[in-house]
Amino acid sequence: MPTLHPVVEILKNEIAKKNYTWEEAASGSGISPGRFEKIMRGERDMKVVEEERLCKFLGISVYFVERLAELERERQRAALSGKTIH
C-alpha cells in the first residue's frame, strides 16, 4: 500500500470533515474521478494546480494545508530521531 503524502492525507481529512464524497470533491475541483481516486490512494502525485483547485473547493487555503503538512513532516522526523515536538 503506497504511503500518502502529508498534503493528500490532510486533504482527505478535510473532504471527510465536510462530508463530501470523493466524486463530489473531484467534480468540484475539476479533477477527473479516476485520477482523483488514484491521488487519494497514493498511486499518483497531486499537481500543485490540483491542490490549489481542491483547496478552493474545500474553502481552505493552500498555505494552511502546506503548513500542516510541514508540521507533520517535522513530527515524523522527530519521531525517527527519538525527539518530541510539542
N, C-alpha and C. Protein backbone atom coordinates (compact mmCIF):
# COMPACT_ATOMS: atom_id res chain seq x y z
N MET A 1 0.85 -1.19 0.00
CA MET A 1 0.00 0.00 0.00
C MET A 1 0.89 1.25 0.00
N PRO A 2 0.70 2.15 -0.95
CA PRO A 2 1.53 3.35 -1.02
C PRO A 2 1.34 4.26 0.20
N THR A 3 2.41 4.95 0.58
CA THR A 3 2.34 5.92 1.66
C THR A 3 1.81 7.23 1.09
N LEU A 4 0.85 7.82 1.78
CA LEU A 4 0.27 9.08 1.32
C LEU A 4 1.15 10.25 1.70
N HIS A 5 1.28 11.18 0.78
CA HIS A 5 1.95 12.45 1.06
C HIS A 5 1.13 13.17 2.12
N PRO A 6 1.78 13.85 3.07
CA PRO A 6 1.02 14.55 4.11
C PRO A 6 -0.05 15.51 3.57
N VAL A 7 0.22 16.17 2.44
CA VAL A 7 -0.78 17.08 1.86
C VAL A 7 -2.04 16.30 1.48
N VAL A 8 -1.86 15.16 0.87
CA VAL A 8 -3.01 14.35 0.45
C VAL A 8 -3.77 13.85 1.68
N GLU A 9 -3.05 13.44 2.71
CA GLU A 9 -3.69 12.99 3.94
C GLU A 9 -4.54 14.10 4.55
N ILE A 10 -4.01 15.30 4.59
CA ILE A 10 -4.74 16.45 5.13
C ILE A 10 -5.98 16.73 4.29
N LEU A 11 -5.83 16.72 2.98
CA LEU A 11 -6.97 16.98 2.10
C LEU A 11 -8.04 15.89 2.22
N LYS A 12 -7.62 14.65 2.36
CA LYS A 12 -8.58 13.56 2.57
C LYS A 12 -9.38 13.80 3.85
N ASN A 13 -8.68 14.23 4.90
CA ASN A 13 -9.36 14.50 6.17
C ASN A 13 -10.35 15.66 6.03
N GLU A 14 -9.95 16.70 5.30
CA GLU A 14 -10.84 17.85 5.09
C GLU A 14 -12.07 17.45 4.28
N ILE A 15 -11.89 16.62 3.29
CA ILE A 15 -13.02 16.12 2.48
C ILE A 15 -13.99 15.38 3.39
N ALA A 16 -13.46 14.51 4.24
CA ALA A 16 -14.30 13.74 5.16
C ALA A 16 -15.00 14.64 6.18
N LYS A 17 -14.27 15.62 6.73
CA LYS A 17 -14.86 16.55 7.72
C LYS A 17 -16.05 17.30 7.14
N LYS A 18 -15.96 17.61 5.86
CA LYS A 18 -17.03 18.39 5.21
C LYS A 18 -18.08 17.48 4.57
N ASN A 19 -17.94 16.18 4.82
CA ASN A 19 -18.92 15.18 4.35
C ASN A 19 -19.09 15.15 2.84
N TYR A 20 -18.00 15.39 2.11
CA TYR A 20 -18.03 15.25 0.66
C TYR A 20 -17.60 13.84 0.29
N THR A 21 -18.16 13.35 -0.80
CA THR A 21 -17.65 12.10 -1.37
C THR A 21 -16.44 12.46 -2.24
N TRP A 22 -15.66 11.46 -2.58
CA TRP A 22 -14.53 11.71 -3.48
C TRP A 22 -15.04 12.19 -4.83
N GLU A 23 -16.19 11.67 -5.25
CA GLU A 23 -16.77 12.08 -6.53
C GLU A 23 -17.14 13.57 -6.51
N GLU A 24 -17.73 14.02 -5.41
CA GLU A 24 -18.10 15.43 -5.28
C GLU A 24 -16.86 16.32 -5.26
N ALA A 25 -15.84 15.89 -4.52
CA ALA A 25 -14.61 16.67 -4.43
C ALA A 25 -13.89 16.72 -5.78
N ALA A 26 -13.89 15.60 -6.49
CA ALA A 26 -13.27 15.56 -7.81
C ALA A 26 -13.99 16.50 -8.76
N SER A 27 -15.30 16.40 -8.78
CA SER A 27 -16.10 17.24 -9.67
C SER A 27 -15.94 18.71 -9.32
N GLY A 28 -15.99 19.03 -8.04
CA GLY A 28 -15.89 20.41 -7.59
C GLY A 28 -14.54 21.05 -7.83
N SER A 29 -13.51 20.21 -7.94
CA SER A 29 -12.16 20.73 -8.17
C SER A 29 -11.70 20.56 -9.61
N GLY A 30 -12.54 19.95 -10.43
CA GLY A 30 -12.20 19.79 -11.84
C GLY A 30 -11.14 18.73 -12.13
N ILE A 31 -11.02 17.77 -11.23
CA ILE A 31 -10.08 16.67 -11.43
C ILE A 31 -10.89 15.45 -11.85
N SER A 32 -10.41 14.72 -12.84
CA SER A 32 -11.17 13.56 -13.30
C SER A 32 -11.31 12.56 -12.14
N PRO A 33 -12.47 11.91 -12.04
CA PRO A 33 -12.69 10.99 -10.92
C PRO A 33 -11.65 9.88 -10.82
N GLY A 34 -11.23 9.34 -11.95
CA GLY A 34 -10.23 8.27 -11.93
C GLY A 34 -8.90 8.76 -11.38
N ARG A 35 -8.46 9.91 -11.85
CA ARG A 35 -7.20 10.48 -11.36
C ARG A 35 -7.32 10.85 -9.88
N PHE A 36 -8.45 11.44 -9.51
CA PHE A 36 -8.66 11.84 -8.12
C PHE A 36 -8.54 10.64 -7.20
N GLU A 37 -9.17 9.55 -7.57
CA GLU A 37 -9.10 8.32 -6.77
C GLU A 37 -7.66 7.84 -6.61
N LYS A 38 -6.91 7.87 -7.69
CA LYS A 38 -5.51 7.42 -7.64
C LYS A 38 -4.67 8.34 -6.76
N ILE A 39 -4.95 9.64 -6.79
CA ILE A 39 -4.24 10.59 -5.92
C ILE A 39 -4.56 10.27 -4.46
N MET A 40 -5.84 10.08 -4.15
CA MET A 40 -6.27 9.82 -2.78
C MET A 40 -5.75 8.50 -2.24
N ARG A 41 -5.46 7.55 -3.14
CA ARG A 41 -4.90 6.26 -2.73
C ARG A 41 -3.38 6.25 -2.69
N GLY A 42 -2.77 7.36 -3.13
CA GLY A 42 -1.32 7.43 -3.14
C GLY A 42 -0.68 6.79 -4.36
N GLU A 43 -1.48 6.52 -5.38
CA GLU A 43 -0.98 5.88 -6.60
C GLU A 43 -0.48 6.90 -7.62
N ARG A 44 -0.87 8.17 -7.44
CA ARG A 44 -0.41 9.26 -8.31
C ARG A 44 -0.08 10.46 -7.44
N ASP A 45 0.86 11.27 -7.90
CA ASP A 45 1.19 12.51 -7.19
C ASP A 45 0.18 13.58 -7.57
N MET A 46 -0.11 14.45 -6.60
CA MET A 46 -1.01 15.57 -6.84
C MET A 46 -0.21 16.74 -7.39
N LYS A 47 -0.68 17.32 -8.48
CA LYS A 47 -0.04 18.51 -9.05
C LYS A 47 -0.43 19.74 -8.22
N VAL A 48 0.41 20.75 -8.24
CA VAL A 48 0.15 21.98 -7.48
C VAL A 48 -1.19 22.58 -7.89
N VAL A 49 -1.47 22.63 -9.17
CA VAL A 49 -2.73 23.21 -9.64
C VAL A 49 -3.93 22.41 -9.11
N GLU A 50 -3.78 21.11 -8.98
CA GLU A 50 -4.85 20.29 -8.44
C GLU A 50 -5.05 20.57 -6.94
N GLU A 51 -3.95 20.73 -6.23
CA GLU A 51 -4.03 21.08 -4.82
C GLU A 51 -4.74 22.42 -4.65
N GLU A 52 -4.36 23.38 -5.47
CA GLU A 52 -4.98 24.71 -5.40
C GLU A 52 -6.48 24.64 -5.66
N ARG A 53 -6.88 23.89 -6.69
CA ARG A 53 -8.30 23.80 -7.03
C ARG A 53 -9.09 23.06 -5.96
N LEU A 54 -8.49 22.01 -5.40
CA LEU A 54 -9.19 21.27 -4.34
C LEU A 54 -9.31 22.12 -3.08
N CYS A 55 -8.27 22.85 -2.74
CA CYS A 55 -8.34 23.76 -1.59
C CYS A 55 -9.43 24.81 -1.79
N LYS A 56 -9.50 25.36 -2.99
CA LYS A 56 -10.53 26.36 -3.29
C LYS A 56 -11.92 25.75 -3.12
N PHE A 57 -12.12 24.56 -3.64
CA PHE A 57 -13.40 23.87 -3.50
C PHE A 57 -13.74 23.65 -2.03
N LEU A 58 -12.75 23.27 -1.22
CA LEU A 58 -12.97 22.98 0.19
C LEU A 58 -13.05 24.25 1.05
N GLY A 59 -12.68 25.38 0.47
CA GLY A 59 -12.73 26.63 1.22
C GLY A 59 -11.61 26.78 2.23
N ILE A 60 -10.46 26.19 1.93
CA ILE A 60 -9.29 26.31 2.81
C ILE A 60 -8.11 26.84 2.00
N SER A 61 -7.14 27.40 2.70
CA SER A 61 -6.00 27.97 1.98
C SER A 61 -4.92 26.92 1.74
N VAL A 62 -4.24 27.07 0.63
CA VAL A 62 -3.11 26.20 0.32
C VAL A 62 -2.04 26.36 1.41
N TYR A 63 -1.84 27.59 1.88
CA TYR A 63 -0.85 27.83 2.93
C TYR A 63 -1.17 27.00 4.17
N PHE A 64 -2.44 26.97 4.57
CA PHE A 64 -2.88 26.18 5.72
C PHE A 64 -2.50 24.71 5.53
N VAL A 65 -2.82 24.17 4.38
CA VAL A 65 -2.54 22.76 4.09
C VAL A 65 -1.03 22.50 4.09
N GLU A 66 -0.29 23.36 3.42
CA GLU A 66 1.16 23.17 3.34
C GLU A 66 1.81 23.29 4.72
N ARG A 67 1.34 24.21 5.54
CA ARG A 67 1.90 24.37 6.89
C ARG A 67 1.60 23.15 7.75
N LEU A 68 0.38 22.63 7.69
CA LEU A 68 0.06 21.42 8.42
C LEU A 68 0.91 20.24 7.95
N ALA A 69 1.12 20.16 6.65
CA ALA A 69 1.94 19.08 6.10
C ALA A 69 3.38 19.20 6.58
N GLU A 70 3.91 20.42 6.64
CA GLU A 70 5.27 20.62 7.12
C GLU A 70 5.38 20.24 8.59
N LEU A 71 4.40 20.60 9.40
CA LEU A 71 4.41 20.21 10.81
C LEU A 71 4.37 18.69 10.96
N GLU A 72 3.62 18.02 10.11
CA GLU A 72 3.56 16.56 10.14
C GLU A 72 4.91 15.96 9.76
N ARG A 73 5.56 16.51 8.74
CA ARG A 73 6.88 16.01 8.34
C ARG A 73 7.89 16.22 9.47
N GLU A 74 7.82 17.36 10.15
CA GLU A 74 8.70 17.62 11.29
C GLU A 74 8.45 16.63 12.42
N ARG A 75 7.18 16.33 12.67
CA ARG A 75 6.83 15.36 13.70
C ARG A 75 7.37 13.98 13.36
N GLN A 76 7.26 13.59 12.10
CA GLN A 76 7.76 12.29 11.66
C GLN A 76 9.28 12.21 11.80
N ARG A 77 9.97 13.29 11.40
CA ARG A 77 11.44 13.31 11.53
C ARG A 77 11.86 13.23 12.99
N ALA A 78 11.15 13.95 13.84
CA ALA A 78 11.46 13.93 15.27
C ALA A 78 11.23 12.54 15.85
N ALA A 79 10.16 11.90 15.44
CA ALA A 79 9.87 10.56 15.94
C ALA A 79 10.96 9.59 15.54
N LEU A 80 11.47 9.73 14.34
CA LEU A 80 12.55 8.85 13.87
C LEU A 80 13.84 9.08 14.65
N SER A 81 14.03 10.31 15.10
CA SER A 81 15.26 10.62 15.85
C SER A 81 15.08 10.48 17.36
N GLY A 82 13.87 10.13 17.79
CA GLY A 82 13.62 9.94 19.21
C GLY A 82 13.27 11.20 19.96
N LYS A 83 13.07 12.31 19.27
CA LYS A 83 12.70 13.58 19.90
C LYS A 83 11.19 13.74 19.89
N THR A 84 10.71 14.68 20.68
CA THR A 84 9.29 15.00 20.67
C THR A 84 9.09 16.46 20.30
N ILE A 85 8.01 16.73 19.61
CA ILE A 85 7.64 18.10 19.25
C ILE A 85 6.33 18.43 19.95
N HIS A 86 6.26 19.57 20.57
CA HIS A 86 5.04 19.97 21.29
C HIS A 86 4.26 20.95 20.48
